[in-house]
Amino acid sequence: MPTSALTPNFSIKDYSIFFTAGAICCTATHGAMTPIDVVKTRIQIDPKMARKNMLTAGRAILAAEGPGGLLTGFGPTAVGYLIQGGAKFAGYEFWKKKLVEVAGTQEAAIEHRTAIYLTSASIAEFFADILLTPLEATRIRLVSNPTYATGLASGFAKILSTEGVGSLYAGFLPLICKQIPYAIGQFTVNEFCHELAYRNTSKETQENHKLAITLGSGITAGFAAAILSHPADTLLSQINKGHGPSGPMIKRLYILGKDAGIRGLFAGLGPRMVMTAGLVTGQFVIYKWVKELLDAPAGLEIHKE
């Protein structure tokens, strides 16, 4: 891979590998976490579940709907995050490179690395969410009302035919309010955790404990992503359930947030922190593994020594 004085010259093939690795890591982890996500979503939107913990809510769903109830929404979850994950990870690599080039020098890039991480994650997530929103709306509709449709195709088609494209994108604003803080926590905290580990360990230790560093960074980043994004995640579930007044989205979000209060906005945070730590950690492990398997170049690093 040719390299410029400041950044690597990633080729289209390189970005296609970044996209593939991101798609695989996100669809695998989100698909595997479907049962936990079902429980979390029910706690957020079903008043009867609001005061239950993860275990008791899961048992209630199993008793009422059987094992299939915990897999509700698997189709849109797998497909949605296949597309979104590829766009997010490849986009992050792309925008980080571009912003380092804008900085002009390695020293300037290191000095402004926090802004580079935040901006790269935000832009990449914004465009990825344009692809994700209709599938996320379908997923939440299926989870909140298991009898609404039989799966992804029928649920998507039903919303489109009965409510129109606008309904599929009704949750776009709350989704980006959720996903952009999520991406910021995921990528920025992961970068700084790696920087901290590299700064305080020898090269030999880093080489011998690559997996441990990835796991520790991923868990920490997952907790940060969950906390930062949870209030908007709760509001997104309410919007896609059809709750709240009509009118502009900002007004709907304000009223729903006011009605929910701090406690309501953070309902289900515990299960989601567990889920997100697993998601983010699994994504970084699988992302690196797939990149290595496909012989992709290393990502651009601007850590402070």
C-alpha atoms as a PDB file:
ATOM      1  CA  MET A   1       0.000   0.000   0.000  1.00  0.00           C
ATOM      2  CA  PRO A   2       1.578   3.306  -1.016  1.00  0.00           C
ATOM      3  CA  THR A   3       1.842   5.887   1.733  1.00  0.00           C
ATOM      4  CA  SER A   4       1.928   9.660   1.566  1.00  0.00           C
ATOM      5  CA  ALA A   5       4.018  11.766   3.926  1.00  0.00           C
ATOM      6  CA  LEU A   6       1.093  12.116   6.315  1.00  0.00           C
ATOM      7  CA  THR A   7      -1.501   9.372   5.692  1.00  0.00           C
ATOM      8  CA  PRO A   8      -1.790   5.998   3.954  1.00  0.00           C
ATOM      9  CA  ASN A   9      -3.254   6.035   0.437  1.00  0.00           C
ATOM     10  CA  PHE A  10      -6.105   3.596   0.959  1.00  0.00           C
ATOM     11  CA  SER A  11      -7.391   2.114  -2.295  1.00  0.00           C
ATOM     12  CA  ILE A  12     -10.965   1.263  -3.256  1.00  0.00           C
ATOM     13  CA  LYS A  13     -10.098  -2.347  -2.449  1.00  0.00           C
ATOM     14  CA  ASP A  14      -8.941  -1.310   1.024  1.00  0.00           C
ATOM     15  CA  TYR A  15     -12.196   0.543   1.695  1.00  0.00           C
ATOM     16  CA  SER A  16     -14.198  -2.411   0.388  1.00  0.00           C
ATOM     17  CA  ILE A  17     -12.435  -4.596   2.948  1.00  0.00           C
ATOM     18  CA  PHE A  18     -13.136  -2.051   5.690  1.00  0.00           C
ATOM     19  CA  PHE A  19     -16.802  -2.105   4.616  1.00  0.00           C
ATOM     20  CA  THR A  20     -16.914  -5.907   4.551  1.00  0.00           C
ATOM     21  CA  ALA A  21     -15.258  -6.214   7.951  1.00  0.00           C
ATOM     22  CA  GLY A  22     -17.612  -3.613   9.439  1.00  0.00           C
ATOM     23  CA  ALA A  23     -20.654  -5.291   7.908  1.00  0.00           C
ATOM     24  CA  ILE A  24     -19.700  -8.723   9.225  1.00  0.00           C
ATOM     25  CA  CYS A  25     -18.798  -7.558  12.733  1.00  0.00           C
ATOM     26  CA  CYS A  26     -21.964  -5.502  13.174  1.00  0.00           C
ATOM     27  CA  THR A  27     -24.486  -7.959  11.739  1.00  0.00           C
ATOM     28  CA  ALA A  28     -22.930 -10.846  13.698  1.00  0.00           C
ATOM     29  CA  THR A  29     -22.919  -9.040  17.029  1.00  0.00           C
ATOM     30  CA  HIS A  30     -26.302  -7.316  16.704  1.00  0.00           C
ATOM     31  CA  GLY A  31     -27.890 -10.512  15.456  1.00  0.00           C
ATOM     32  CA  ALA A  32     -26.485 -12.475  18.401  1.00  0.00           C
ATOM     33  CA  MET A  33     -27.752  -9.820  20.825  1.00  0.00           C
ATOM     34  CA  THR A  34     -31.330  -9.892  19.504  1.00  0.00           C
ATOM     35  CA  PRO A  35     -32.806 -11.560  22.651  1.00  0.00           C
ATOM     36  CA  ILE A  36     -31.238  -8.953  24.947  1.00  0.00           C
ATOM     37  CA  ASP A  37     -32.383  -6.148  22.644  1.00  0.00           C
ATOM     38  CA  VAL A  38     -35.931  -7.518  22.652  1.00  0.00           C
ATOM     39  CA  VAL A  39     -35.983  -7.486  26.459  1.00  0.00           C
ATOM     40  CA  LYS A  40     -34.478  -3.976  26.582  1.00  0.00           C
ATOM     41  CA  THR A  41     -36.994  -2.618  24.071  1.00  0.00           C
ATOM     42  CA  ARG A  42     -39.958  -4.149  25.907  1.00  0.00           C
ATOM     43  CA  ILE A  43     -38.773  -2.605  29.186  1.00  0.00           C
ATOM     44  CA  GLN A  44     -38.629   0.781  27.435  1.00  0.00           C
ATOM     45  CA  ILE A  45     -42.049   0.716  25.741  1.00  0.00           C
ATOM     46  CA  ASP A  46     -44.298  -1.648  27.729  1.00  0.00           C
ATOM     47  CA  PRO A  47     -45.592  -0.137  30.997  1.00  0.00           C
ATOM     48  CA  LYS A  48     -46.051  -3.645  32.403  1.00  0.00           C
ATOM     49  CA  MET A  49     -42.334  -4.317  31.887  1.00  0.00           C
ATOM     50  CA  ALA A  50     -41.005  -0.906  32.979  1.00  0.00           C
ATOM     51  CA  ARG A  51     -40.147  -1.954  36.538  1.00  0.00           C
ATOM     52  CA  LYS A  52     -38.836  -5.398  35.691  1.00  0.00           C
ATOM     53  CA  ASN A  53     -35.158  -6.260  35.425  1.00  0.00           C
ATOM     54  CA  MET A  54     -33.595  -8.082  32.521  1.00  0.00           C
ATOM     55  CA  LEU A  55     -34.162 -11.582  33.900  1.00  0.00           C
ATOM     56  CA  THR A  56     -37.755 -11.149  35.036  1.00  0.00           C
ATOM     57  CA  ALA A  57     -38.730  -9.376  31.811  1.00  0.00           C
ATOM     58  CA  GLY A  58     -37.080 -12.129  29.770  1.00  0.00           C
ATOM     59  CA  ARG A  59     -38.942 -14.801  31.690  1.00  0.00           C
ATOM     60  CA  ALA A  60     -42.232 -12.969  31.171  1.00  0.00           C
ATOM     61  CA  ILE A  61     -41.666 -12.830  27.398  1.00  0.00           C
ATOM     62  CA  LEU A  62     -40.724 -16.516  27.308  1.00  0.00           C
ATOM     63  CA  ALA A  63     -43.826 -17.467  29.277  1.00  0.00           C
ATOM     64  CA  ALA A  64     -46.156 -15.426  27.069  1.00  0.00           C
ATOM     65  CA  GLU A  65     -44.611 -15.965  23.630  1.00  0.00           C
ATOM     66  CA  GLY A  66     -42.165 -18.856  23.848  1.00  0.00           C
ATOM     67  CA  PRO A  67     -38.506 -18.824  22.677  1.00  0.00           C
ATOM     68  CA  GLY A  68     -39.483 -17.218  19.361  1.00  0.00           C
ATOM     69  CA  GLY A  69     -40.530 -14.094  21.202  1.00  0.00           C
ATOM     70  CA  LEU A  70     -36.905 -13.376  22.084  1.00  0.00           C
ATOM     71  CA  LEU A  71     -35.926 -13.534  18.396  1.00  0.00           C
ATOM     72  CA  THR A  72     -38.547 -11.057  17.216  1.00  0.00           C
ATOM     73  CA  GLY A  73     -37.001  -8.555  14.803  1.00  0.00           C
ATOM     74  CA  PHE A  74     -33.952 -10.704  13.974  1.00  0.00           C
ATOM     75  CA  GLY A  75     -34.349 -10.154  10.218  1.00  0.00           C
ATOM     76  CA  PRO A  76     -34.318  -6.343  10.161  1.00  0.00           C
ATOM     77  CA  THR A  77     -31.619  -6.342  12.829  1.00  0.00           C
ATOM     78  CA  ALA A  78     -29.276  -8.541  10.777  1.00  0.00           C
ATOM     79  CA  VAL A  79     -29.892  -6.777   7.459  1.00  0.00           C
ATOM     80  CA  GLY A  80     -29.944  -3.266   8.912  1.00  0.00           C
ATOM     81  CA  TYR A  81     -26.666  -3.595  10.753  1.00  0.00           C
ATOM     82  CA  LEU A  82     -25.025  -5.389   7.840  1.00  0.00           C
ATOM     83  CA  ILE A  83     -25.478  -2.203   5.812  1.00  0.00           C
ATOM     84  CA  GLN A  84     -25.004   0.265   8.653  1.00  0.00           C
ATOM     85  CA  GLY A  85     -21.932  -1.468  10.047  1.00  0.00           C
ATOM     86  CA  GLY A  86     -20.129  -1.483   6.740  1.00  0.00           C
ATOM     87  CA  ALA A  87     -20.870   2.183   6.121  1.00  0.00           C
ATOM     88  CA  LYS A  88     -19.926   3.190   9.670  1.00  0.00           C
ATOM     89  CA  PHE A  89     -16.568   1.455   9.924  1.00  0.00           C
ATOM     90  CA  ALA A  90     -15.449   2.271   6.382  1.00  0.00           C
ATOM     91  CA  GLY A  91     -16.722   5.820   6.840  1.00  0.00           C
ATOM     92  CA  TYR A  92     -14.781   6.254  10.060  1.00  0.00           C
ATOM     93  CA  GLU A  93     -11.564   5.138   8.377  1.00  0.00           C
ATOM     94  CA  PHE A  94     -12.260   7.488   5.447  1.00  0.00           C
ATOM     95  CA  TRP A  95     -13.117  10.604   7.440  1.00  0.00           C
ATOM     96  CA  LYS A  96     -10.323  10.126   9.971  1.00  0.00           C
ATOM     97  CA  LYS A  97      -7.837  10.042   7.091  1.00  0.00           C
ATOM     98  CA  LYS A  98      -9.372  13.125   5.467  1.00  0.00           C
ATOM     99  CA  LEU A  99      -9.359  15.126   8.702  1.00  0.00           C
ATOM    100  CA  VAL A 100      -5.748  14.217   9.451  1.00  0.00           C
ATOM    101  CA  GLU A 101      -4.898  15.552   5.991  1.00  0.00           C
ATOM    102  CA  VAL A 102      -6.851  18.732   6.781  1.00  0.00           C
ATOM    103  CA  ALA A 103      -4.780  19.112   9.968  1.00  0.00           C
ATOM    104  CA  GLY A 104      -1.719  19.319   7.723  1.00  0.00           C
ATOM    105  CA  THR A 105       0.943  17.813   9.965  1.00  0.00           C
ATOM    106  CA  GLN A 106       1.269  14.808  12.268  1.00  0.00           C
ATOM    107  CA  GLU A 107       1.796  17.139  15.226  1.00  0.00           C
ATOM    108  CA  ALA A 108      -1.383  19.086  14.478  1.00  0.00           C
ATOM    109  CA  ALA A 109      -3.345  15.885  13.980  1.00  0.00           C
ATOM    110  CA  ILE A 110      -2.193  14.543  17.354  1.00  0.00           C
ATOM    111  CA  GLU A 111      -2.997  17.844  19.051  1.00  0.00           C
ATOM    112  CA  HIS A 112      -6.497  17.854  17.611  1.00  0.00           C
ATOM    113  CA  ARG A 113      -7.069  14.084  17.709  1.00  0.00           C
ATOM    114  CA  THR A 114     -10.135  14.342  19.958  1.00  0.00           C
ATOM    115  CA  ALA A 115     -11.887  16.586  17.443  1.00  0.00           C
ATOM    116  CA  ILE A 116     -10.820  14.263  14.620  1.00  0.00           C
ATOM    117  CA  TYR A 117     -12.246  11.209  16.405  1.00  0.00           C
ATOM    118  CA  LEU A 118     -15.506  12.973  17.301  1.00  0.00           C
ATOM    119  CA  THR A 119     -16.053  14.429  13.847  1.00  0.00           C
ATOM    120  CA  SER A 120     -15.113  11.260  11.951  1.00  0.00           C
ATOM    121  CA  ALA A 121     -17.438   9.124  14.061  1.00  0.00           C
ATOM    122  CA  SER A 122     -20.298  11.628  13.745  1.00  0.00           C
ATOM    123  CA  ILE A 123     -20.124  12.025   9.960  1.00  0.00           C
ATOM    124  CA  ALA A 124     -19.728   8.300   9.339  1.00  0.00           C
ATOM    125  CA  GLU A 125     -22.668   7.492  11.614  1.00  0.00           C
ATOM    126  CA  PHE A 126     -24.907  10.142  10.059  1.00  0.00           C
ATOM    127  CA  PHE A 127     -24.665   8.643   6.584  1.00  0.00           C
ATOM    128  CA  ALA A 128     -24.868   5.076   7.890  1.00  0.00           C
ATOM    129  CA  ASP A 129     -28.096   5.935   9.709  1.00  0.00           C
ATOM    130  CA  ILE A 130     -29.775   7.045   6.494  1.00  0.00           C
ATOM    131  CA  LEU A 131     -29.484   3.396   5.459  1.00  0.00           C
ATOM    132  CA  LEU A 132     -30.400   1.981   8.871  1.00  0.00           C
ATOM    133  CA  THR A 133     -33.483   4.029   9.811  1.00  0.00           C
ATOM    134  CA  PRO A 134     -36.192   2.186   7.783  1.00  0.00           C
ATOM    135  CA  LEU A 135     -34.978  -1.204   8.986  1.00  0.00           C
ATOM    136  CA  GLU A 136     -34.717  -0.030  12.591  1.00  0.00           C
ATOM    137  CA  ALA A 137     -38.281   1.279  12.398  1.00  0.00           C
ATOM    138  CA  THR A 138     -39.420  -2.116  11.149  1.00  0.00           C
ATOM    139  CA  ARG A 139     -37.502  -3.914  13.900  1.00  0.00           C
ATOM    140  CA  ILE A 140     -38.984  -1.832  16.689  1.00  0.00           C
ATOM    141  CA  ARG A 141     -42.503  -2.222  15.266  1.00  0.00           C
ATOM    142  CA  LEU A 142     -42.100  -6.010  15.223  1.00  0.00           C
ATOM    143  CA  VAL A 143     -40.639  -6.135  18.731  1.00  0.00           C
ATOM    144  CA  SER A 144     -43.274  -3.841  20.221  1.00  0.00           C
ATOM    145  CA  ASN A 145     -46.120  -5.657  18.440  1.00  0.00           C
ATOM    146  CA  PRO A 146     -45.159  -9.271  17.572  1.00  0.00           C
ATOM    147  CA  THR A 147     -48.447  -9.805  15.696  1.00  0.00           C
ATOM    148  CA  TYR A 148     -47.898  -6.813  13.393  1.00  0.00           C
ATOM    149  CA  ALA A 149     -46.192  -8.871  10.665  1.00  0.00           C
ATOM    150  CA  THR A 150     -44.405 -12.164  10.153  1.00  0.00           C
ATOM    151  CA  GLY A 151     -40.939 -10.782   9.428  1.00  0.00           C
ATOM    152  CA  LEU A 152     -38.729  -8.174   7.791  1.00  0.00           C
ATOM    153  CA  ALA A 153     -40.200  -8.159   4.295  1.00  0.00           C
ATOM    154  CA  SER A 154     -43.843  -8.210   5.361  1.00  0.00           C
ATOM    155  CA  GLY A 155     -43.294  -5.685   8.175  1.00  0.00           C
ATOM    156  CA  PHE A 156     -41.384  -3.273   5.933  1.00  0.00           C
ATOM    157  CA  ALA A 157     -43.976  -3.596   3.151  1.00  0.00           C
ATOM    158  CA  LYS A 158     -46.880  -3.087   5.564  1.00  0.00           C
ATOM    159  CA  ILE A 159     -45.462   0.105   7.040  1.00  0.00           C
ATOM    160  CA  LEU A 160     -44.616   1.407   3.559  1.00  0.00           C
ATOM    161  CA  SER A 161     -48.052   0.645   2.090  1.00  0.00           C
ATOM    162  CA  THR A 162     -50.185   1.760   5.027  1.00  0.00           C
ATOM    163  CA  GLU A 163     -48.181   4.671   6.426  1.00  0.00           C
ATOM    164  CA  GLY A 164     -45.756   5.709   3.682  1.00  0.00           C
ATOM    165  CA  VAL A 165     -42.048   6.437   3.497  1.00  0.00           C
ATOM    166  CA  GLY A 166     -42.398   9.199   6.081  1.00  0.00           C
ATOM    167  CA  SER A 167     -43.274   6.669   8.763  1.00  0.00           C
ATOM    168  CA  LEU A 168     -40.162   4.618   8.006  1.00  0.00           C
ATOM    169  CA  TYR A 169     -38.064   7.750   8.523  1.00  0.00           C
ATOM    170  CA  ALA A 170     -40.086   9.150  11.428  1.00  0.00           C
ATOM    171  CA  GLY A 171     -37.374   7.971  13.774  1.00  0.00           C
ATOM    172  CA  PHE A 172     -34.425   9.441  11.843  1.00  0.00           C
ATOM    173  CA  LEU A 173     -33.865  12.426  14.145  1.00  0.00           C
ATOM    174  CA  PRO A 174     -34.042  10.425  17.384  1.00  0.00           C
ATOM    175  CA  LEU A 175     -31.993   7.682  15.720  1.00  0.00           C
ATOM    176  CA  ILE A 176     -29.093  10.001  14.926  1.00  0.00           C
ATOM    177  CA  CYS A 177     -29.476  11.527  18.398  1.00  0.00           C
ATOM    178  CA  LYS A 178     -28.931   7.975  19.673  1.00  0.00           C
ATOM    179  CA  GLN A 179     -26.427   6.607  17.170  1.00  0.00           C
ATOM    180  CA  ILE A 180     -24.077   9.588  16.901  1.00  0.00           C
ATOM    181  CA  PRO A 181     -23.377   9.686  20.670  1.00  0.00           C
ATOM    182  CA  TYR A 182     -23.103   5.896  20.486  1.00  0.00           C
ATOM    183  CA  ALA A 183     -20.502   6.103  17.707  1.00  0.00           C
ATOM    184  CA  ILE A 184     -18.639   8.861  19.544  1.00  0.00           C
ATOM    185  CA  GLY A 185     -18.437   6.688  22.657  1.00  0.00           C
ATOM    186  CA  GLN A 186     -17.527   3.610  20.648  1.00  0.00           C
ATOM    187  CA  PHE A 187     -14.725   5.036  18.532  1.00  0.00           C
ATOM    188  CA  THR A 188     -13.365   7.905  20.638  1.00  0.00           C
ATOM    189  CA  VAL A 189     -13.193   6.010  23.928  1.00  0.00           C
ATOM    190  CA  ASN A 190     -11.730   2.984  22.156  1.00  0.00           C
ATOM    191  CA  GLU A 191      -9.018   5.165  20.618  1.00  0.00           C
ATOM    192  CA  PHE A 192      -8.071   6.703  23.960  1.00  0.00           C
ATOM    193  CA  CYS A 193      -8.125   3.340  25.757  1.00  0.00           C
ATOM    194  CA  HIS A 194      -5.673   1.989  23.194  1.00  0.00           C
ATOM    195  CA  GLU A 195      -3.543   5.118  23.544  1.00  0.00           C
ATOM    196  CA  LEU A 196      -3.473   4.693  27.328  1.00  0.00           C
ATOM    197  CA  ALA A 197      -2.492   1.039  27.000  1.00  0.00           C
ATOM    198  CA  TYR A 198       0.225   1.761  24.431  1.00  0.00           C
ATOM    199  CA  ARG A 199       1.631   4.641  26.455  1.00  0.00           C
ATOM    200  CA  ASN A 200       2.021   2.533  29.591  1.00  0.00           C
ATOM    201  CA  THR A 201       3.247  -0.782  28.204  1.00  0.00           C
ATOM    202  CA  SER A 202       6.244  -1.985  26.273  1.00  0.00           C
ATOM    203  CA  LYS A 203       6.122  -3.085  22.651  1.00  0.00           C
ATOM    204  CA  GLU A 204       6.569  -6.679  23.748  1.00  0.00           C
ATOM    205  CA  THR A 205       3.665  -6.465  26.187  1.00  0.00           C
ATOM    206  CA  GLN A 206       1.454  -4.889  23.535  1.00  0.00           C
ATOM    207  CA  GLU A 207       2.299  -7.660  21.081  1.00  0.00           C
ATOM    208  CA  ASN A 208       1.646 -10.398  23.636  1.00  0.00           C
ATOM    209  CA  HIS A 209      -1.605  -8.919  24.920  1.00  0.00           C
ATOM    210  CA  LYS A 210      -3.300  -7.608  21.768  1.00  0.00           C
ATOM    211  CA  LEU A 211      -6.557  -9.395  22.531  1.00  0.00           C
ATOM    212  CA  ALA A 212      -6.644  -8.219  26.150  1.00  0.00           C
ATOM    213  CA  ILE A 213      -6.139  -4.608  25.063  1.00  0.00           C
ATOM    214  CA  THR A 214      -8.884  -4.937  22.452  1.00  0.00           C
ATOM    215  CA  LEU A 215     -11.272  -6.521  24.957  1.00  0.00           C
ATOM    216  CA  GLY A 216     -10.616  -3.987  27.713  1.00  0.00           C
ATOM    217  CA  SER A 217     -10.909  -1.041  25.329  1.00  0.00           C
ATOM    218  CA  GLY A 218     -14.085  -2.464  23.793  1.00  0.00           C
ATOM    219  CA  ILE A 219     -15.824  -3.020  27.125  1.00  0.00           C
ATOM    220  CA  THR A 220     -14.996   0.501  28.311  1.00  0.00           C
ATOM    221  CA  ALA A 221     -16.098   2.008  25.006  1.00  0.00           C
ATOM    222  CA  GLY A 222     -19.295  -0.056  25.123  1.00  0.00           C
ATOM    223  CA  PHE A 223     -20.252   1.289  28.548  1.00  0.00           C
ATOM    224  CA  ALA A 224     -19.605   4.853  27.349  1.00  0.00           C
ATOM    225  CA  ALA A 225     -21.641   4.320  24.179  1.00  0.00           C
ATOM    226  CA  ALA A 226     -24.596   2.926  26.139  1.00  0.00           C
ATOM    227  CA  ILE A 227     -24.716   5.754  28.681  1.00  0.00           C
ATOM    228  CA  LEU A 228     -24.338   8.530  26.096  1.00  0.00           C
ATOM    229  CA  SER A 229     -27.009   7.174  23.771  1.00  0.00           C
ATOM    230  CA  HIS A 230     -29.597   5.653  26.095  1.00  0.00           C
ATOM    231  CA  PRO A 231     -32.039   8.582  26.510  1.00  0.00           C
ATOM    232  CA  ALA A 232     -32.392   8.935  22.739  1.00  0.00           C
ATOM    233  CA  ASP A 233     -32.683   5.153  22.420  1.00  0.00           C
ATOM    234  CA  THR A 234     -35.676   5.234  24.760  1.00  0.00           C
ATOM    235  CA  LEU A 235     -37.295   8.064  22.786  1.00  0.00           C
ATOM    236  CA  LEU A 236     -36.678   6.214  19.509  1.00  0.00           C
ATOM    237  CA  SER A 237     -38.569   3.214  20.820  1.00  0.00           C
ATOM    238  CA  GLN A 238     -41.457   5.458  21.857  1.00  0.00           C
ATOM    239  CA  ILE A 239     -41.573   7.208  18.469  1.00  0.00           C
ATOM    240  CA  ASN A 240     -41.619   3.959  16.512  1.00  0.00           C
ATOM    241  CA  LYS A 241     -44.279   2.595  18.860  1.00  0.00           C
ATOM    242  CA  GLY A 242     -46.446   5.572  17.870  1.00  0.00           C
ATOM    243  CA  HIS A 243     -46.400   7.265  21.265  1.00  0.00           C
ATOM    244  CA  GLY A 244     -46.418  11.005  21.779  1.00  0.00           C
ATOM    245  CA  PRO A 245     -48.320  13.893  20.144  1.00  0.00           C
ATOM    246  CA  SER A 246     -48.418  14.679  16.466  1.00  0.00           C
ATOM    247  CA  GLY A 247     -46.460  17.568  15.035  1.00  0.00           C
ATOM    248  CA  PRO A 248     -42.786  18.393  14.469  1.00  0.00           C
ATOM    249  CA  MET A 249     -40.306  15.783  15.666  1.00  0.00           C
ATOM    250  CA  ILE A 250     -38.532  18.210  17.998  1.00  0.00           C
ATOM    251  CA  LYS A 251     -41.838  18.881  19.786  1.00  0.00           C
ATOM    252  CA  ARG A 252     -42.641  15.170  20.017  1.00  0.00           C
ATOM    253  CA  LEU A 253     -39.230  14.384  21.468  1.00  0.00           C
ATOM    254  CA  TYR A 254     -39.482  17.225  23.987  1.00  0.00           C
ATOM    255  CA  ILE A 255     -42.897  16.153  25.250  1.00  0.00           C
ATOM    256  CA  LEU A 256     -41.991  12.460  25.381  1.00  0.00           C
ATOM    257  CA  GLY A 257     -38.776  13.272  27.230  1.00  0.00           C
ATOM    258  CA  LYS A 258     -40.578  15.541  29.688  1.00  0.00           C
ATOM    259  CA  ASP A 259     -43.236  12.909  30.358  1.00  0.00           C
ATOM    260  CA  ALA A 260     -40.651  10.166  30.836  1.00  0.00           C
ATOM    261  CA  GLY A 261     -38.399  12.124  33.176  1.00  0.00           C
ATOM    262  CA  ILE A 262     -34.816  11.170  33.980  1.00  0.00           C
ATOM    263  CA  ARG A 263     -35.802   7.804  35.411  1.00  0.00           C
ATOM    264  CA  GLY A 264     -37.939   6.930  32.411  1.00  0.00           C
ATOM    265  CA  LEU A 265     -35.294   8.013  29.908  1.00  0.00           C
ATOM    266  CA  PHE A 266     -32.787   5.679  31.539  1.00  0.00           C
ATOM    267  CA  ALA A 267     -35.169   2.746  31.954  1.00  0.00           C
ATOM    268  CA  GLY A 268     -33.486  -0.430  30.780  1.00  0.00           C
ATOM    269  CA  LEU A 269     -29.968   1.056  30.968  1.00  0.00           C
ATOM    270  CA  GLY A 270     -28.549  -1.917  32.871  1.00  0.00           C
ATOM    271  CA  PRO A 271     -29.460  -4.516  30.233  1.00  0.00           C
ATOM    272  CA  ARG A 272     -28.359  -2.147  27.491  1.00  0.00           C
ATOM    273  CA  MET A 273     -24.945  -1.568  29.092  1.00  0.00           C
ATOM    274  CA  VAL A 274     -24.432  -5.331  29.193  1.00  0.00           C
ATOM    275  CA  MET A 275     -25.591  -5.640  25.596  1.00  0.00           C
ATOM    276  CA  THR A 276     -23.539  -2.701  24.327  1.00  0.00           C
ATOM    277  CA  ALA A 277     -20.331  -3.806  26.046  1.00  0.00           C
ATOM    278  CA  GLY A 278     -20.704  -7.153  24.302  1.00  0.00           C
ATOM    279  CA  LEU A 279     -21.590  -5.536  20.996  1.00  0.00           C
ATOM    280  CA  VAL A 280     -18.745  -3.061  20.878  1.00  0.00           C
ATOM    281  CA  THR A 281     -16.131  -5.509  22.129  1.00  0.00           C
ATOM    282  CA  GLY A 282     -17.258  -8.177  19.695  1.00  0.00           C
ATOM    283  CA  GLN A 283     -17.284  -5.700  16.832  1.00  0.00           C
ATOM    284  CA  PHE A 284     -13.707  -4.555  17.368  1.00  0.00           C
ATOM    285  CA  VAL A 285     -12.448  -8.135  17.769  1.00  0.00           C
ATOM    286  CA  ILE A 286     -14.235  -9.365  14.632  1.00  0.00           C
ATOM    287  CA  TYR A 287     -13.364  -6.220  12.660  1.00  0.00           C
ATOM    288  CA  LYS A 288      -9.647  -6.697  13.296  1.00  0.00           C
ATOM    289  CA  TRP A 289      -9.869 -10.431  12.602  1.00  0.00           C
ATOM    290  CA  VAL A 290     -11.642  -9.978   9.250  1.00  0.00           C
ATOM    291  CA  LYS A 291      -9.215  -7.234   8.201  1.00  0.00           C
ATOM    292  CA  GLU A 292      -6.275  -9.496   8.966  1.00  0.00           C
ATOM    293  CA  LEU A 293      -7.931 -12.410   7.192  1.00  0.00           C
ATOM    294  CA  LEU A 294      -8.456 -10.287   4.066  1.00  0.00           C
ATOM    295  CA  ASP A 295      -4.972  -8.771   4.309  1.00  0.00           C
ATOM    296  CA  ALA A 296      -6.198  -5.217   4.795  1.00  0.00           C
ATOM    297  CA  PRO A 297      -3.797  -2.445   5.780  1.00  0.00           C
ATOM    298  CA  ALA A 298      -3.721  -1.222   9.371  1.00  0.00           C
ATOM    299  CA  GLY A 299      -5.923   1.735  10.198  1.00  0.00           C
ATOM    300  CA  LEU A 300      -4.494   5.215  10.651  1.00  0.00           C
ATOM    301  CA  GLU A 301      -3.331   5.940  14.209  1.00  0.00           C
ATOM    302  CA  ILE A 302      -2.748   9.398  15.683  1.00  0.00           C
ATOM    303  CA  HIS A 303      -2.118   8.422  19.280  1.00  0.00           C
ATOM    304  CA  LYS A 304       0.007  10.631  21.488  1.00  0.00           C
ATOM    305  CA  GLU A 305       3.219   8.878  22.535  1.00  0.00           C
END
